[in-house]
Amino acid sequence: MALAGYGALIGHYDLQVPFPDRLSVISTKRRLYETDRWAVFTVKHAPQDTLAGHLTFALKNEGVDLGVLNALFMTIKPSEVESLINNEPTGNIAAGFGFCTNG
């Protein structure tokens, strides 16, 4: 199993925040299921192993975790945030932060 979403971002960027109470993982099992501590997704739900991939997965499947987002945005370069928004100005990340444009 591999972490996805916030758990993957916390690990990759060594963010100094607590892990969420429930972590998302990608499993080779062919069914989605949840326990008290895990949200288990199939391989077809796996995000791209990128900042944008895990951030989009997290916002879509895990909600907004302001502690993780704050630590992440304090860690990455401002140009990376700008790139995320500019690459998909009407996508999930931009919309999640109120940056969606109508043009």
Foldseek 3Di string as FASTA:
>chain_A
DAWAALVLLCVVLVFPDDDDQATEDEDCDDDFDDDRHYTYHYPVLGFDSDPLRRNLSCCVPPNDDPSSVVSSVVRDDPVVVVCSCVVPVQDPVVVVVVRHDPD
